[in-house]
Amino acid sequence: MNAVTDIPALPAIGKPLEGGIFAGRYFVGEQPFALVLSPKDEGEIAPTTWGPRTKRIDGALSYADGLANTAAMAAAGNKLSKKIRALRIGGHDDWYLPSRLESLLLFGELQSEFERDWYWTSTQYAGDDEDAWIQHFYDGVQYYDHEDFDCRARAVRRFPI
């Protein structure tokens, strides 16, 4: 595969794509993906907890793979992840909570699509089993906070390119 000529044509960042808004390209390992942000009116969750403070969720520590994190969260019974995974938007049902890396991409490319507020990522904080990472969509800061703190959440989806 020629990395330059075999990449499918994608719209400009911020344009409609696959049920949402194209946010950009990124990698999980060596696999390139297109990241799609859900429409705000259908994919934003009002301030809520990540979950009750829990033990470490095996599989929810990835910096880059929000899909794997969200699947692990759902398997552990996490209500926020189940709410995100239950979304059906634009004919797609593969929405998930973005990872830290995906959240940084969203801040860098589509900051104006968000409230100037804190949003949950799907990445649990490795230093404390009761904390998860959050992204601020005003200044780009990422921090970790208790999982019972109220933050917004916004669904994304991806597909390989």
Protein backbone atom coordinates (compact mmCIF):
# COMPACT_ATOMS: atom_id res chain seq x y z
CA MET A 1 0.00 0.00 0.00
CA ASN A 2 1.39 3.39 -0.94
CA ALA A 3 0.75 5.60 2.09
CA VAL A 4 0.20 8.69 -0.04
CA THR A 5 -1.86 7.47 -2.97
CA ASP A 6 -3.96 4.73 -1.35
CA ILE A 7 -5.57 6.85 1.40
CA PRO A 8 -9.25 7.34 0.61
CA ALA A 9 -10.38 10.86 -0.17
CA LEU A 10 -11.76 12.50 2.94
CA PRO A 11 -13.54 15.84 3.29
CA ALA A 12 -11.95 18.88 4.87
CA ILE A 13 -11.85 18.88 8.66
CA GLY A 14 -15.14 20.17 10.03
CA LYS A 15 -17.23 18.87 7.12
CA PRO A 16 -19.93 16.17 7.38
CA LEU A 17 -18.77 12.55 7.27
CA GLU A 18 -20.28 9.19 8.22
CA GLY A 19 -22.95 10.47 10.63
CA GLY A 20 -20.98 13.32 12.14
CA ILE A 21 -18.20 15.84 11.59
CA PHE A 22 -14.76 14.86 10.26
CA ALA A 23 -12.17 15.63 12.96
CA GLY A 24 -9.00 14.33 11.32
CA ARG A 25 -6.73 11.35 10.85
CA TYR A 26 -4.82 9.60 13.61
CA PHE A 27 -3.17 6.27 14.37
CA VAL A 28 -3.78 3.48 16.84
CA GLY A 29 -0.55 1.55 16.61
CA GLU A 30 0.22 1.40 12.90
CA GLN A 31 -3.43 1.53 11.76
CA PRO A 32 -4.63 4.92 10.44
CA PHE A 33 -8.19 5.97 11.26
CA ALA A 34 -10.57 8.80 10.41
CA LEU A 35 -12.14 10.28 13.54
CA VAL A 36 -15.76 11.47 13.38
CA LEU A 37 -17.36 13.69 16.04
CA SER A 38 -21.05 13.17 16.76
CA PRO A 39 -23.47 16.04 16.14
CA LYS A 40 -23.85 17.97 19.40
CA ASP A 41 -27.64 17.66 19.56
CA GLU A 42 -27.48 13.87 19.30
CA GLY A 43 -24.14 12.86 20.78
CA GLU A 44 -23.43 15.18 23.70
CA ILE A 45 -24.21 13.91 27.20
CA ALA A 46 -25.10 16.53 29.83
CA PRO A 47 -22.74 16.78 32.81
CA THR A 48 -22.58 13.38 34.45
CA THR A 49 -20.16 11.21 36.35
CA TRP A 50 -17.67 8.90 34.63
CA GLY A 51 -19.04 6.40 37.08
CA PRO A 52 -18.86 5.77 40.76
CA ARG A 53 -15.29 5.62 41.96
CA THR A 54 -14.27 2.14 40.92
CA LYS A 55 -11.39 -0.21 40.89
CA ARG A 56 -9.14 -0.16 37.87
CA ILE A 57 -10.95 -1.27 34.74
CA ASP A 58 -8.65 -3.57 32.83
CA GLY A 59 -8.51 -2.35 29.24
CA ALA A 60 -9.51 1.29 29.95
CA LEU A 61 -6.00 2.78 30.24
CA SER A 62 -5.21 3.35 26.56
CA TYR A 63 -4.00 6.81 25.64
CA ALA A 64 -5.05 6.33 21.99
CA ASP A 65 -7.76 3.66 21.70
CA GLY A 66 -11.05 5.09 22.95
CA LEU A 67 -13.04 2.29 21.34
CA ALA A 68 -11.18 -0.36 23.38
CA ASN A 69 -11.42 1.77 26.55
CA THR A 70 -15.18 2.25 26.11
CA ALA A 71 -15.74 -1.47 25.44
CA ALA A 72 -13.84 -2.32 28.64
CA MET A 73 -15.83 0.27 30.58
CA ALA A 74 -19.13 -1.15 29.29
CA ALA A 75 -18.05 -4.72 30.11
CA ALA A 76 -17.36 -3.54 33.68
CA GLY A 77 -20.89 -2.10 33.93
CA ASN A 78 -20.00 1.59 33.51
CA LYS A 79 -23.22 3.57 32.89
CA LEU A 80 -21.65 6.43 30.89
CA SER A 81 -20.04 4.03 28.42
CA LYS A 82 -23.29 2.10 28.05
CA LYS A 83 -25.16 5.33 27.32
CA ILE A 84 -22.59 6.29 24.64
CA ARG A 85 -22.56 2.77 23.13
CA ALA A 86 -26.39 2.83 22.90
CA LEU A 87 -26.40 5.88 20.60
CA ARG A 88 -27.73 5.47 17.06
CA ILE A 89 -26.76 8.50 14.99
CA GLY A 90 -26.75 8.86 11.22
CA GLY A 91 -27.38 5.15 10.78
CA HIS A 92 -24.31 4.23 12.87
CA ASP A 93 -24.22 2.42 16.19
CA ASP A 94 -20.47 2.27 16.82
CA TRP A 95 -20.11 5.49 18.86
CA TYR A 96 -17.75 5.57 21.83
CA LEU A 97 -16.11 7.91 24.36
CA PRO A 98 -12.84 9.37 23.00
CA SER A 99 -9.45 8.58 24.52
CA ARG A 100 -6.99 11.25 25.69
CA LEU A 101 -5.33 11.37 22.25
CA GLU A 102 -8.64 11.56 20.41
CA SER A 103 -9.78 14.34 22.77
CA LEU A 104 -6.62 16.32 22.02
CA LEU A 105 -7.28 15.94 18.30
CA LEU A 106 -10.85 17.15 18.83
CA PHE A 107 -9.62 20.16 20.80
CA GLY A 108 -7.03 21.00 18.15
CA GLU A 109 -9.35 20.70 15.17
CA LEU A 110 -12.93 21.21 16.35
CA GLN A 111 -12.75 23.23 19.57
CA SER A 112 -15.64 25.45 18.42
CA GLU A 113 -17.96 22.39 18.32
CA PHE A 114 -17.74 22.08 22.12
CA GLU A 115 -18.86 24.04 25.14
CA ARG A 116 -16.00 25.76 26.96
CA ASP A 117 -16.15 23.10 29.64
CA TRP A 118 -14.63 19.83 30.88
CA TYR A 119 -15.37 16.61 28.97
CA TRP A 120 -14.66 13.05 30.02
CA THR A 121 -12.24 10.86 28.09
CA SER A 122 -12.42 7.08 28.18
CA THR A 123 -8.90 6.86 29.62
CA GLN A 124 -8.76 5.90 33.27
CA TYR A 125 -5.92 7.48 35.25
CA ALA A 126 -3.19 4.90 35.89
CA GLY A 127 -2.03 6.61 39.09
CA ASP A 128 -5.32 6.20 40.98
CA ASP A 129 -8.07 3.68 40.30
CA GLU A 130 -10.75 6.23 41.26
CA ASP A 131 -9.77 8.86 38.66
CA ALA A 132 -10.18 9.31 34.91
CA TRP A 133 -8.78 11.86 32.44
CA ILE A 134 -10.76 14.94 31.41
CA GLN A 135 -10.25 17.43 28.57
CA HIS A 136 -10.98 21.15 28.88
CA PHE A 137 -12.33 22.67 25.66
CA TYR A 138 -11.38 26.24 26.48
CA ASP A 139 -7.63 26.04 26.91
CA GLY A 140 -6.80 22.45 25.93
CA VAL A 141 -5.68 21.33 29.38
CA GLN A 142 -6.01 17.68 30.26
CA TYR A 143 -6.23 16.63 33.89
CA TYR A 144 -7.51 13.72 35.91
CA ASP A 145 -10.33 13.93 38.40
CA HIS A 146 -12.49 11.69 40.55
CA GLU A 147 -14.85 9.53 38.54
CA ASP A 148 -17.81 10.88 40.52
CA PHE A 149 -17.14 14.47 39.34
CA ASP A 150 -19.67 15.84 36.82
CA CYS A 151 -18.34 16.52 33.30
CA ARG A 152 -19.87 16.55 29.85
CA ALA A 153 -19.23 13.74 27.37
CA ARG A 154 -19.34 13.63 23.57
CA ALA A 155 -19.45 10.55 21.37
CA VAL A 156 -17.09 9.83 18.48
CA ARG A 157 -16.68 7.02 15.99
CA ARG A 158 -13.83 5.97 13.73
CA PHE A 159 -13.16 3.91 10.68
CA PRO A 160 -9.91 2.59 9.21
CA ILE A 161 -8.39 4.40 6.25
